[in-house]
Protein backbone atom coordinates (compact mmCIF):
# COMPACT_ATOMS: atom_id res chain seq x y z
CA UNK A 1 -4.07 167.88 260.13
CA UNK A 2 -7.57 168.17 258.68
CA UNK A 3 -6.40 170.86 256.27
CA UNK A 4 -3.61 168.57 255.06
CA UNK A 5 -6.11 165.80 254.40
CA UNK A 6 -8.54 168.14 252.62
CA UNK A 7 -5.83 169.53 250.32
CA UNK A 8 -3.82 166.30 250.08
CA UNK A 9 -3.81 163.51 247.54
CA UNK A 10 -4.49 159.84 248.26
CA UNK A 11 -1.23 158.12 247.27
CA UNK A 12 -1.71 154.60 248.63
CA UNK A 13 -4.56 152.48 249.90
CA UNK A 14 -4.15 149.41 252.08
CA UNK A 15 -6.38 147.15 254.10
CA UNK A 16 -8.47 149.60 256.09
CA UNK A 17 -6.05 152.50 255.69
CA UNK A 18 -5.17 155.25 253.25
CA UNK A 19 -1.99 157.28 252.88
CA UNK A 20 -2.43 160.95 252.04
CA UNK A 21 0.30 163.30 250.83
CA UNK A 22 0.59 167.07 250.73
CA UNK A 23 4.05 168.34 249.94
CA UNK A 24 6.50 166.47 252.19
CA UNK A 25 3.79 165.55 254.74
CA UNK A 26 2.50 161.95 254.71
CA UNK A 27 -0.49 160.88 256.83
CA UNK A 28 -1.85 157.35 257.30
CA UNK A 29 -5.56 157.39 258.11
CA UNK A 30 -7.90 154.51 258.95
CA UNK A 31 -11.22 154.11 257.12
CA UNK A 32 -13.12 155.65 260.04
CA UNK A 33 -10.97 158.83 259.82
CA UNK A 34 -8.60 158.18 262.72
CA UNK A 35 -4.99 159.32 262.12
CA UNK A 36 -2.63 156.40 262.65
CA UNK A 37 0.68 158.10 261.95
CA UNK A 38 2.14 161.18 260.23
CA UNK A 39 5.66 162.07 259.09
CA UNK A 40 7.60 164.38 256.78
CA UNK A 41 9.82 163.03 254.04
CA UNK A 42 13.41 164.31 254.03
CA UNK A 43 14.28 167.38 251.99
CA UNK A 44 16.15 166.59 248.82
CA UNK A 45 18.30 168.94 246.77
CA UNK A 46 16.89 168.61 243.21
CA UNK A 47 20.27 169.45 241.67
CA UNK A 48 22.16 166.82 243.67
CA UNK A 49 21.06 163.92 241.42
CA UNK A 50 22.36 165.79 238.36
CA UNK A 51 25.63 166.63 240.11
CA UNK A 52 26.19 162.99 241.09
CA UNK A 53 25.45 161.80 237.56
CA UNK A 54 27.90 164.26 236.00
CA UNK A 55 30.56 163.38 238.56
CA UNK A 56 30.12 159.66 237.87
CA UNK A 57 30.44 160.25 234.10
CA UNK A 58 33.66 162.28 234.56
CA UNK A 59 35.10 159.60 236.85
CA UNK A 60 34.33 156.84 234.33
CA UNK A 61 35.78 158.91 231.50
CA UNK A 62 39.06 159.37 233.43
CA UNK A 63 39.11 155.70 234.40
CA UNK A 64 38.74 154.37 230.87
CA UNK A 65 40.75 157.08 229.16
CA UNK A 66 43.45 155.55 226.94
CA UNK A 67 46.39 157.79 226.12
CA UNK A 68 47.75 157.63 222.60
CA UNK A 69 51.42 156.88 222.09
CA UNK A 70 53.49 159.76 220.71
């Protein structure tokens, strides 16, 4: 835990606490150095956001597609 705090970055500061981050690990520490809580953020697939965006665009294109009369 100490290593995570040494190599981590302070991401938020509240009344008497600070939130440190290192990778997916988040640690809330009081001003006197006592660890209040720690958790890992969920893993996210970086390509998933792009895939969802492309899928949404294709769906909208099909939805609003107007066929020309022959």
